[in-house]
Amino acid sequence: MTNFKNHKVSVSQLIGLIPEALLTHLSSNTNVDYYTKVLHAKKVFYLLLYGILDNEKLSQRTLEDTFNDSGFKVLFDLDERETVVRSSISERLSKIDYHYFKEVYEFIYYFMEF
């Protein structure tokens, strides 16, 4: 498994701490995916998490490269044919409801035992 630079945790270990059902449930409850075709909240969360851990400088360009990378898609069980461009990432980040990420954080912080 991939270990991130200067980290002693693998991607799969980190992902294992966050139940996929939680991400799906929260996206449904917050209506964060209303009118979204490709960049659903769960994918954005995975993209940001992976991007933060894998890149020294996070930018929309690196997020675009990350999302379009086949390794990322395999790791998160995404359709290999899906692609995004930087402008789509920019628009999605500007409009996504931050409460989704807040609730994910609160669940992990308050309810998970490390």
N, C-alpha and C. Protein backbone atom coordinates (compact mmCIF):
# COMPACT_ATOMS: atom_id res chain seq x y z
N MET A 1 0.83 -1.19 0.00
CA MET A 1 0.00 0.00 0.00
C MET A 1 0.87 1.24 0.00
N THR A 2 0.32 2.29 -0.52
CA THR A 2 1.02 3.55 -0.62
C THR A 2 1.16 4.18 0.76
N ASN A 3 2.38 4.53 1.12
CA ASN A 3 2.62 5.32 2.32
C ASN A 3 2.97 6.73 1.86
N PHE A 4 2.43 7.73 2.52
CA PHE A 4 2.68 9.09 2.13
C PHE A 4 4.02 9.55 2.67
N LYS A 5 4.58 10.53 1.99
CA LYS A 5 5.85 11.10 2.40
C LYS A 5 5.77 11.56 3.85
N ASN A 6 6.74 11.17 4.64
CA ASN A 6 6.87 11.59 6.04
C ASN A 6 5.67 11.19 6.92
N HIS A 7 4.87 10.24 6.46
CA HIS A 7 3.73 9.77 7.25
C HIS A 7 3.89 8.27 7.45
N LYS A 8 3.40 7.79 8.55
CA LYS A 8 3.48 6.36 8.84
C LYS A 8 2.12 5.70 8.75
N VAL A 9 1.27 6.25 7.92
CA VAL A 9 -0.06 5.70 7.73
C VAL A 9 -0.26 5.51 6.24
N SER A 10 -0.89 4.42 5.88
CA SER A 10 -1.17 4.18 4.46
C SER A 10 -2.54 4.76 4.12
N VAL A 11 -2.76 4.92 2.84
CA VAL A 11 -4.04 5.44 2.38
C VAL A 11 -5.17 4.55 2.86
N SER A 12 -5.00 3.25 2.72
CA SER A 12 -6.08 2.33 3.10
C SER A 12 -6.38 2.39 4.59
N GLN A 13 -5.36 2.59 5.41
CA GLN A 13 -5.60 2.71 6.85
C GLN A 13 -6.42 3.96 7.15
N LEU A 14 -6.09 5.05 6.51
CA LEU A 14 -6.80 6.30 6.74
C LEU A 14 -8.24 6.21 6.23
N ILE A 15 -8.41 5.66 5.06
CA ILE A 15 -9.75 5.51 4.49
C ILE A 15 -10.59 4.57 5.35
N GLY A 16 -9.96 3.56 5.91
CA GLY A 16 -10.66 2.61 6.76
C GLY A 16 -11.28 3.24 7.99
N LEU A 17 -10.76 4.39 8.40
CA LEU A 17 -11.31 5.08 9.57
C LEU A 17 -12.61 5.81 9.26
N ILE A 18 -12.86 6.04 7.99
CA ILE A 18 -14.03 6.83 7.59
C ILE A 18 -15.01 5.93 6.87
N PRO A 19 -16.10 5.57 7.51
CA PRO A 19 -17.07 4.67 6.88
C PRO A 19 -17.68 5.29 5.62
N GLU A 20 -17.66 4.55 4.53
CA GLU A 20 -18.24 5.03 3.27
C GLU A 20 -19.73 5.32 3.43
N ALA A 21 -20.38 4.51 4.25
CA ALA A 21 -21.81 4.73 4.49
C ALA A 21 -22.06 6.10 5.14
N LEU A 22 -21.14 6.54 5.97
CA LEU A 22 -21.26 7.87 6.59
C LEU A 22 -21.23 8.95 5.52
N LEU A 23 -20.30 8.86 4.61
CA LEU A 23 -20.18 9.87 3.55
C LEU A 23 -21.44 9.90 2.69
N THR A 24 -21.95 8.74 2.37
CA THR A 24 -23.17 8.65 1.57
C THR A 24 -24.36 9.21 2.33
N HIS A 25 -24.48 8.83 3.59
CA HIS A 25 -25.59 9.31 4.43
C HIS A 25 -25.56 10.83 4.58
N LEU A 26 -24.39 11.37 4.84
CA LEU A 26 -24.29 12.82 5.02
C LEU A 26 -24.57 13.58 3.73
N SER A 27 -24.15 13.03 2.60
CA SER A 27 -24.43 13.72 1.34
C SER A 27 -25.93 13.74 1.06
N SER A 28 -26.61 12.68 1.47
CA SER A 28 -28.06 12.63 1.30
C SER A 28 -28.76 13.61 2.24
N ASN A 29 -28.31 13.65 3.49
CA ASN A 29 -28.94 14.52 4.49
C ASN A 29 -28.70 16.01 4.24
N THR A 30 -27.56 16.35 3.69
CA THR A 30 -27.22 17.75 3.48
C THR A 30 -27.60 18.24 2.08
N ASN A 31 -28.09 17.33 1.22
CA ASN A 31 -28.42 17.66 -0.17
C ASN A 31 -27.26 18.30 -0.91
N VAL A 32 -26.06 17.93 -0.55
CA VAL A 32 -24.86 18.52 -1.12
C VAL A 32 -24.65 18.09 -2.58
N ASP A 33 -25.29 17.02 -3.00
CA ASP A 33 -25.11 16.51 -4.36
C ASP A 33 -26.25 16.89 -5.30
N TYR A 34 -27.09 17.79 -4.88
CA TYR A 34 -28.21 18.23 -5.70
C TYR A 34 -27.67 18.87 -6.98
N TYR A 35 -28.09 18.39 -8.12
CA TYR A 35 -27.67 18.87 -9.44
C TYR A 35 -26.21 18.54 -9.80
N THR A 36 -25.58 17.64 -9.10
CA THR A 36 -24.20 17.29 -9.40
C THR A 36 -24.14 16.06 -10.27
N LYS A 37 -23.32 16.11 -11.32
CA LYS A 37 -23.23 14.98 -12.24
C LYS A 37 -22.03 14.09 -11.96
N VAL A 38 -20.86 14.65 -11.77
CA VAL A 38 -19.64 13.86 -11.61
C VAL A 38 -19.02 14.02 -10.23
N LEU A 39 -18.79 15.23 -9.81
CA LEU A 39 -18.06 15.48 -8.57
C LEU A 39 -18.98 15.46 -7.35
N HIS A 40 -19.45 14.28 -7.02
CA HIS A 40 -20.28 14.11 -5.83
C HIS A 40 -19.43 14.38 -4.60
N ALA A 41 -20.06 14.72 -3.51
CA ALA A 41 -19.37 15.12 -2.29
C ALA A 41 -18.37 14.06 -1.82
N LYS A 42 -18.76 12.80 -1.92
CA LYS A 42 -17.86 11.73 -1.48
C LYS A 42 -16.58 11.74 -2.31
N LYS A 43 -16.70 11.94 -3.60
CA LYS A 43 -15.53 12.00 -4.48
C LYS A 43 -14.68 13.22 -4.16
N VAL A 44 -15.33 14.35 -3.90
CA VAL A 44 -14.59 15.56 -3.55
C VAL A 44 -13.84 15.35 -2.25
N PHE A 45 -14.50 14.72 -1.27
CA PHE A 45 -13.84 14.44 0.00
C PHE A 45 -12.61 13.57 -0.21
N TYR A 46 -12.76 12.48 -0.95
CA TYR A 46 -11.63 11.59 -1.23
C TYR A 46 -10.53 12.33 -1.99
N LEU A 47 -10.93 13.15 -2.95
CA LEU A 47 -9.96 13.90 -3.74
C LEU A 47 -9.16 14.86 -2.87
N LEU A 48 -9.85 15.59 -2.01
CA LEU A 48 -9.15 16.52 -1.12
C LEU A 48 -8.26 15.79 -0.12
N LEU A 49 -8.77 14.73 0.46
CA LEU A 49 -7.98 13.96 1.42
C LEU A 49 -6.72 13.42 0.77
N TYR A 50 -6.87 12.76 -0.35
CA TYR A 50 -5.73 12.19 -1.07
C TYR A 50 -4.79 13.30 -1.55
N GLY A 51 -5.37 14.37 -2.08
CA GLY A 51 -4.56 15.47 -2.58
C GLY A 51 -3.72 16.12 -1.50
N ILE A 52 -4.30 16.31 -0.33
CA ILE A 52 -3.58 16.92 0.79
C ILE A 52 -2.42 16.04 1.22
N LEU A 53 -2.64 14.75 1.25
CA LEU A 53 -1.61 13.84 1.71
C LEU A 53 -0.54 13.54 0.66
N ASP A 54 -0.90 13.63 -0.59
CA ASP A 54 0.02 13.21 -1.65
C ASP A 54 0.79 14.35 -2.30
N ASN A 55 0.38 15.58 -2.10
CA ASN A 55 1.02 16.71 -2.77
C ASN A 55 1.58 17.71 -1.76
N GLU A 56 2.77 18.18 -2.07
CA GLU A 56 3.36 19.20 -1.21
C GLU A 56 2.63 20.53 -1.34
N LYS A 57 2.24 20.86 -2.57
CA LYS A 57 1.47 22.08 -2.83
C LYS A 57 0.17 21.67 -3.48
N LEU A 58 -0.90 21.92 -2.80
CA LEU A 58 -2.22 21.55 -3.31
C LEU A 58 -2.77 22.68 -4.16
N SER A 59 -3.19 22.34 -5.36
CA SER A 59 -3.80 23.32 -6.26
C SER A 59 -4.89 22.62 -7.05
N GLN A 60 -5.68 23.41 -7.72
CA GLN A 60 -6.72 22.81 -8.55
C GLN A 60 -6.11 22.00 -9.68
N ARG A 61 -4.96 22.41 -10.15
CA ARG A 61 -4.27 21.66 -11.21
C ARG A 61 -3.82 20.29 -10.70
N THR A 62 -3.26 20.25 -9.47
CA THR A 62 -2.85 18.95 -8.92
C THR A 62 -4.06 18.09 -8.59
N LEU A 63 -5.16 18.71 -8.17
CA LEU A 63 -6.39 17.95 -7.92
C LEU A 63 -6.92 17.35 -9.21
N GLU A 64 -6.84 18.10 -10.31
CA GLU A 64 -7.26 17.58 -11.61
C GLU A 64 -6.41 16.37 -12.00
N ASP A 65 -5.10 16.50 -11.87
CA ASP A 65 -4.20 15.39 -12.19
C ASP A 65 -4.46 14.19 -11.30
N THR A 66 -4.71 14.44 -10.03
CA THR A 66 -4.98 13.36 -9.09
C THR A 66 -6.25 12.63 -9.45
N PHE A 67 -7.33 13.37 -9.71
CA PHE A 67 -8.61 12.73 -10.03
C PHE A 67 -8.52 11.91 -11.31
N ASN A 68 -7.78 12.38 -12.28
CA ASN A 68 -7.68 11.70 -13.57
C ASN A 68 -6.66 10.56 -13.57
N ASP A 69 -5.95 10.38 -12.46
CA ASP A 69 -4.97 9.31 -12.34
C ASP A 69 -5.67 7.97 -12.10
N SER A 70 -5.25 6.95 -12.81
CA SER A 70 -5.90 5.64 -12.68
C SER A 70 -5.70 5.03 -11.29
N GLY A 71 -4.58 5.31 -10.64
CA GLY A 71 -4.34 4.79 -9.29
C GLY A 71 -5.34 5.34 -8.29
N PHE A 72 -5.66 6.61 -8.40
CA PHE A 72 -6.66 7.23 -7.53
C PHE A 72 -8.02 6.57 -7.74
N LYS A 73 -8.37 6.35 -9.00
CA LYS A 73 -9.66 5.76 -9.33
C LYS A 73 -9.77 4.32 -8.83
N VAL A 74 -8.70 3.57 -8.92
CA VAL A 74 -8.71 2.20 -8.42
C VAL A 74 -8.84 2.20 -6.89
N LEU A 75 -8.08 3.06 -6.25
CA LEU A 75 -8.09 3.13 -4.78
C LEU A 75 -9.46 3.45 -4.23
N PHE A 76 -10.19 4.33 -4.91
CA PHE A 76 -11.50 4.76 -4.41
C PHE A 76 -12.65 4.16 -5.20
N ASP A 77 -12.36 3.16 -5.99
CA ASP A 77 -13.38 2.41 -6.74
C ASP A 77 -14.25 3.34 -7.60
N LEU A 78 -13.58 4.20 -8.37
CA LEU A 78 -14.26 5.12 -9.26
C LEU A 78 -14.21 4.60 -10.68
N ASP A 79 -15.13 5.04 -11.49
CA ASP A 79 -15.19 4.66 -12.90
C ASP A 79 -13.96 5.21 -13.62
N GLU A 80 -13.24 4.33 -14.29
CA GLU A 80 -12.01 4.70 -14.99
C GLU A 80 -12.26 5.73 -16.10
N ARG A 81 -13.47 5.75 -16.63
CA ARG A 81 -13.79 6.66 -17.75
C ARG A 81 -14.10 8.08 -17.28
N GLU A 82 -14.35 8.28 -15.99
CA GLU A 82 -14.67 9.61 -15.49
C GLU A 82 -13.41 10.49 -15.50
N THR A 83 -13.58 11.70 -15.97
CA THR A 83 -12.50 12.68 -15.91
C THR A 83 -13.09 14.02 -15.50
N VAL A 84 -12.25 14.86 -14.96
CA VAL A 84 -12.67 16.22 -14.62
C VAL A 84 -11.59 17.20 -15.09
N VAL A 85 -12.01 18.42 -15.27
CA VAL A 85 -11.07 19.48 -15.61
C VAL A 85 -11.01 20.46 -14.44
N ARG A 86 -9.97 21.25 -14.45
CA ARG A 86 -9.71 22.16 -13.34
C ARG A 86 -10.88 23.11 -13.09
N SER A 87 -11.50 23.60 -14.14
CA SER A 87 -12.62 24.54 -13.95
C SER A 87 -13.80 23.88 -13.25
N SER A 88 -14.02 22.58 -13.49
CA SER A 88 -15.10 21.87 -12.80
C SER A 88 -14.79 21.73 -11.32
N ILE A 89 -13.54 21.46 -11.01
CA ILE A 89 -13.13 21.36 -9.60
C ILE A 89 -13.30 22.72 -8.93
N SER A 90 -12.88 23.76 -9.61
CA SER A 90 -13.00 25.11 -9.06
C SER A 90 -14.46 25.46 -8.77
N GLU A 91 -15.32 25.20 -9.73
CA GLU A 91 -16.74 25.52 -9.54
C GLU A 91 -17.34 24.69 -8.40
N ARG A 92 -17.01 23.42 -8.35
CA ARG A 92 -17.57 22.54 -7.31
C ARG A 92 -17.11 22.98 -5.93
N LEU A 93 -15.83 23.31 -5.81
CA LEU A 93 -15.32 23.75 -4.51
C LEU A 93 -15.95 25.07 -4.07
N SER A 94 -16.28 25.92 -5.02
CA SER A 94 -16.87 27.21 -4.66
C SER A 94 -18.32 27.07 -4.24
N LYS A 95 -18.99 26.00 -4.65
CA LYS A 95 -20.42 25.87 -4.37
C LYS A 95 -20.79 24.77 -3.38
N ILE A 96 -19.86 23.91 -3.05
CA ILE A 96 -20.20 22.79 -2.16
C ILE A 96 -20.45 23.31 -0.75
N ASP A 97 -21.44 22.76 -0.11
CA ASP A 97 -21.81 23.17 1.25
C ASP A 97 -20.78 22.64 2.24
N TYR A 98 -20.13 23.52 2.95
CA TYR A 98 -19.08 23.13 3.88
C TYR A 98 -19.61 22.29 5.04
N HIS A 99 -20.91 22.32 5.30
CA HIS A 99 -21.47 21.53 6.40
C HIS A 99 -21.22 20.03 6.21
N TYR A 100 -21.15 19.60 4.99
CA TYR A 100 -20.85 18.19 4.71
C TYR A 100 -19.50 17.81 5.32
N PHE A 101 -18.49 18.61 5.04
CA PHE A 101 -17.15 18.33 5.55
C PHE A 101 -17.08 18.51 7.06
N LYS A 102 -17.82 19.47 7.57
CA LYS A 102 -17.88 19.71 9.01
C LYS A 102 -18.44 18.48 9.73
N GLU A 103 -19.51 17.91 9.18
CA GLU A 103 -20.11 16.74 9.80
C GLU A 103 -19.21 15.51 9.71
N VAL A 104 -18.50 15.36 8.61
CA VAL A 104 -17.54 14.25 8.49
C VAL A 104 -16.46 14.41 9.56
N TYR A 105 -15.94 15.62 9.68
CA TYR A 105 -14.91 15.90 10.69
C TYR A 105 -15.41 15.61 12.10
N GLU A 106 -16.60 16.10 12.41
CA GLU A 106 -17.14 15.90 13.76
C GLU A 106 -17.35 14.42 14.06
N PHE A 107 -17.81 13.66 13.10
CA PHE A 107 -17.97 12.23 13.32
C PHE A 107 -16.63 11.59 13.65
N ILE A 108 -15.65 11.89 12.84
CA ILE A 108 -14.33 11.29 13.05
C ILE A 108 -13.74 11.73 14.38
N TYR A 109 -13.84 13.01 14.68
CA TYR A 109 -13.24 13.56 15.90
C TYR A 109 -13.94 13.06 17.16
N TYR A 110 -15.26 13.05 17.17
CA TYR A 110 -15.99 12.73 18.39
C TYR A 110 -16.35 11.27 18.55
N PHE A 111 -16.51 10.54 17.46
CA PHE A 111 -17.03 9.20 17.57
C PHE A 111 -16.05 8.08 17.26
N MET A 112 -14.92 8.41 16.72
CA MET A 112 -13.95 7.37 16.39
C MET A 112 -12.91 7.29 17.49
N GLU A 113 -12.53 6.08 17.81
CA GLU A 113 -11.45 5.89 18.77
C GLU A 113 -10.20 5.53 17.99
N PHE A 114 -9.14 6.27 18.27
CA PHE A 114 -7.88 6.02 17.56
C PHE A 114 -6.99 5.11 18.37
